[in-house]
C-alpha atoms as a PDB file:
ATOM      1  CA  UNK A   1      -0.019  -0.140   0.007  1.00  0.00           C
ATOM      2  CA  UNK A   2       1.246   3.402  -0.983  1.00  0.00           C
ATOM      3  CA  UNK A   3       1.001   6.324   1.696  1.00  0.00           C
ATOM      4  CA  UNK A   4      -0.963   9.275   0.682  1.00  0.00           C
ATOM      5  CA  UNK A   5       1.461  12.251   0.241  1.00  0.00           C
ATOM      6  CA  UNK A   6       1.474  15.000   2.747  1.00  0.00           C
ATOM      7  CA  UNK A   7      -0.563  17.983   1.713  1.00  0.00           C
ATOM      8  CA  UNK A   8       1.679  21.117   1.010  1.00  0.00           C
ATOM      9  CA  UNK A   9       0.909  24.106   3.285  1.00  0.00           C
ATOM     10  CA  UNK A  10      -1.176  26.697   1.600  1.00  0.00           C
ATOM     11  CA  UNK A  11       1.311  29.738   1.312  1.00  0.00           C
ATOM     12  CA  UNK A  12       0.443  32.496  -0.670  1.00  0.00           C
ATOM     13  CA  UNK A  13       3.986  33.674  -1.743  1.00  0.00           C
ATOM     14  CA  UNK A  14       6.816  31.818  -3.428  1.00  0.00           C
ATOM     15  CA  UNK A  15       9.674  30.267  -1.288  1.00  0.00           C
ATOM     16  CA  UNK A  16      13.381  29.577  -2.212  1.00  0.00           C
ATOM     17  CA  UNK A  17      13.698  26.613  -4.820  1.00  0.00           C
ATOM     18  CA  UNK A  18      10.129  27.369  -6.123  1.00  0.00           C
ATOM     19  CA  UNK A  19       9.658  27.744  -9.666  1.00  0.00           C
ATOM     20  CA  UNK A  20       8.018  31.009 -10.900  1.00  0.00           C
ATOM     21  CA  UNK A  21       6.640  32.411 -14.189  1.00  0.00           C
ATOM     22  CA  UNK A  22       6.640  36.269 -14.743  1.00  0.00           C
ATOM     23  CA  UNK A  23       3.509  38.042 -16.108  1.00  0.00           C
ATOM     24  CA  UNK A  24       3.670  38.919 -19.556  1.00  0.00           C
ATOM     25  CA  UNK A  25       5.089  42.542 -20.393  1.00  0.00           C
ATOM     26  CA  UNK A  26       7.157  42.293 -17.204  1.00  0.00           C
ATOM     27  CA  UNK A  27       9.770  45.265 -16.807  1.00  0.00           C
ATOM     28  CA  UNK A  28      12.657  42.669 -17.295  1.00  0.00           C
ATOM     29  CA  UNK A  29      11.357  41.393 -20.650  1.00  0.00           C
ATOM     30  CA  UNK A  30      11.452  38.031 -19.652  1.00  0.00           C
ATOM     31  CA  UNK A  31       9.034  36.007 -21.769  1.00  0.00           C
ATOM     32  CA  UNK A  32       6.150  34.588 -19.625  1.00  0.00           C
ATOM     33  CA  UNK A  33       6.897  31.084 -20.656  1.00  0.00           C
ATOM     34  CA  UNK A  34      10.565  30.959 -19.008  1.00  0.00           C
ATOM     35  CA  UNK A  35      10.657  29.094 -15.836  1.00  0.00           C
ATOM     36  CA  UNK A  36      12.748  31.039 -13.185  1.00  0.00           C
ATOM     37  CA  UNK A  37      13.807  29.629  -9.776  1.00  0.00           C
ATOM     38  CA  UNK A  38      13.513  31.640  -6.590  1.00  0.00           C
ATOM     39  CA  UNK A  39      17.017  31.988  -5.030  1.00  0.00           C
ATOM     40  CA  UNK A  40      16.524  34.416  -2.252  1.00  0.00           C
ATOM     41  CA  UNK A  41      13.886  36.318  -0.449  1.00  0.00           C
ATOM     42  CA  UNK A  42      15.719  39.299   1.008  1.00  0.00           C
ATOM     43  CA  UNK A  43      14.376  40.035   4.642  1.00  0.00           C
ATOM     44  CA  UNK A  44      14.922  43.713   4.192  1.00  0.00           C
ATOM     45  CA  UNK A  45      12.839  43.931   0.988  1.00  0.00           C
ATOM     46  CA  UNK A  46       9.275  42.866   1.647  1.00  0.00           C
ATOM     47  CA  UNK A  47       7.574  41.441  -1.373  1.00  0.00           C
ATOM     48  CA  UNK A  48      10.453  41.235  -3.403  1.00  0.00           C
ATOM     49  CA  UNK A  49      12.237  37.813  -4.583  1.00  0.00           C
ATOM     50  CA  UNK A  50      15.540  37.164  -6.219  1.00  0.00           C
ATOM     51  CA  UNK A  51      15.287  34.880  -9.402  1.00  0.00           C
ATOM     52  CA  UNK A  52      17.714  32.733 -11.170  1.00  0.00           C
ATOM     53  CA  UNK A  53      17.436  31.131 -14.608  1.00  0.00           C
ATOM     54  CA  UNK A  54      17.140  27.359 -14.773  1.00  0.00           C
ATOM     55  CA  UNK A  55      20.128  25.101 -15.303  1.00  0.00           C
ATOM     56  CA  UNK A  56      19.212  24.594 -19.184  1.00  0.00           C
ATOM     57  CA  UNK A  57      18.984  28.472 -19.740  1.00  0.00           C
ATOM     58  CA  UNK A  58      21.905  30.049 -21.827  1.00  0.00           C
ATOM     59  CA  UNK A  59      22.215  32.606 -18.931  1.00  0.00           C
ATOM     60  CA  UNK A  60      22.157  30.189 -16.081  1.00  0.00           C
ATOM     61  CA  UNK A  61      25.036  31.628 -14.537  1.00  0.00           C
ATOM     62  CA  UNK A  62      23.525  34.993 -14.451  1.00  0.00           C
ATOM     63  CA  UNK A  63      21.087  36.194 -11.852  1.00  0.00           C
ATOM     64  CA  UNK A  64      17.895  36.709 -13.973  1.00  0.00           C
ATOM     65  CA  UNK A  65      15.809  39.303 -12.089  1.00  0.00           C
ATOM     66  CA  UNK A  66      14.591  40.739  -8.833  1.00  0.00           C
ATOM     67  CA  UNK A  67      10.890  40.758  -8.838  1.00  0.00           C
ATOM     68  CA  UNK A  68       8.034  41.966  -6.813  1.00  0.00           C
ATOM     69  CA  UNK A  69       5.132  39.712  -6.144  1.00  0.00           C
ATOM     70  CA  UNK A  70       3.008  41.625  -8.696  1.00  0.00           C
ATOM     71  CA  UNK A  71       5.307  40.526 -11.463  1.00  0.00           C
ATOM     72  CA  UNK A  72       4.811  36.769 -10.646  1.00  0.00           C
ATOM     73  CA  UNK A  73       1.996  35.255 -12.385  1.00  0.00           C
ATOM     74  CA  UNK A  74       2.340  31.403 -11.268  1.00  0.00           C
ATOM     75  CA  UNK A  75       4.438  29.479  -8.583  1.00  0.00           C
ATOM     76  CA  UNK A  76       5.132  25.950  -8.919  1.00  0.00           C
ATOM     77  CA  UNK A  77       6.242  24.035  -5.869  1.00  0.00           C
ATOM     78  CA  UNK A  78       7.781  20.612  -5.859  1.00  0.00           C
ATOM     79  CA  UNK A  79       8.207  19.196  -2.408  1.00  0.00           C
ATOM     80  CA  UNK A  80       8.582  15.318  -1.054  1.00  0.00           C
ATOM     81  CA  UNK A  81       7.444  13.934  -4.690  1.00  0.00           C
ATOM     82  CA  UNK A  82       4.379  16.455  -4.801  1.00  0.00           C
ATOM     83  CA  UNK A  83       3.760  19.217  -7.212  1.00  0.00           C
ATOM     84  CA  UNK A  84       1.511  22.096  -6.460  1.00  0.00           C
ATOM     85  CA  UNK A  85       0.838  25.032  -8.712  1.00  0.00           C
ATOM     86  CA  UNK A  86      -1.155  28.283  -8.372  1.00  0.00           C
ATOM     87  CA  UNK A  87      -1.647  31.646  -9.468  1.00  0.00           C
ATOM     88  CA  UNK A  88      -0.837  34.742  -7.496  1.00  0.00           C
ATOM     89  CA  UNK A  89      -3.627  37.416  -7.046  1.00  0.00           C
ATOM     90  CA  UNK A  90      -2.379  40.551  -6.180  1.00  0.00           C
END
């Protein structure tokens, strides 16, 4: 018998290692279909996240953007084999 996965906490904001997609027309001009990884959430900058490109992106070694929660369209969280995706509403 397989155990049911533990439900993920219902957290409205992205956390480090989450994958996010920016809204179309964002100020960084990053296409809305490009996945970005949340690298850090600075403690002194409320509502701001530091984003990095995924490993297979040509600019992988560069920081992609610093974005506000208003600029994030979708969050994908993968934890313990479970995937959860939601749209941020601001």
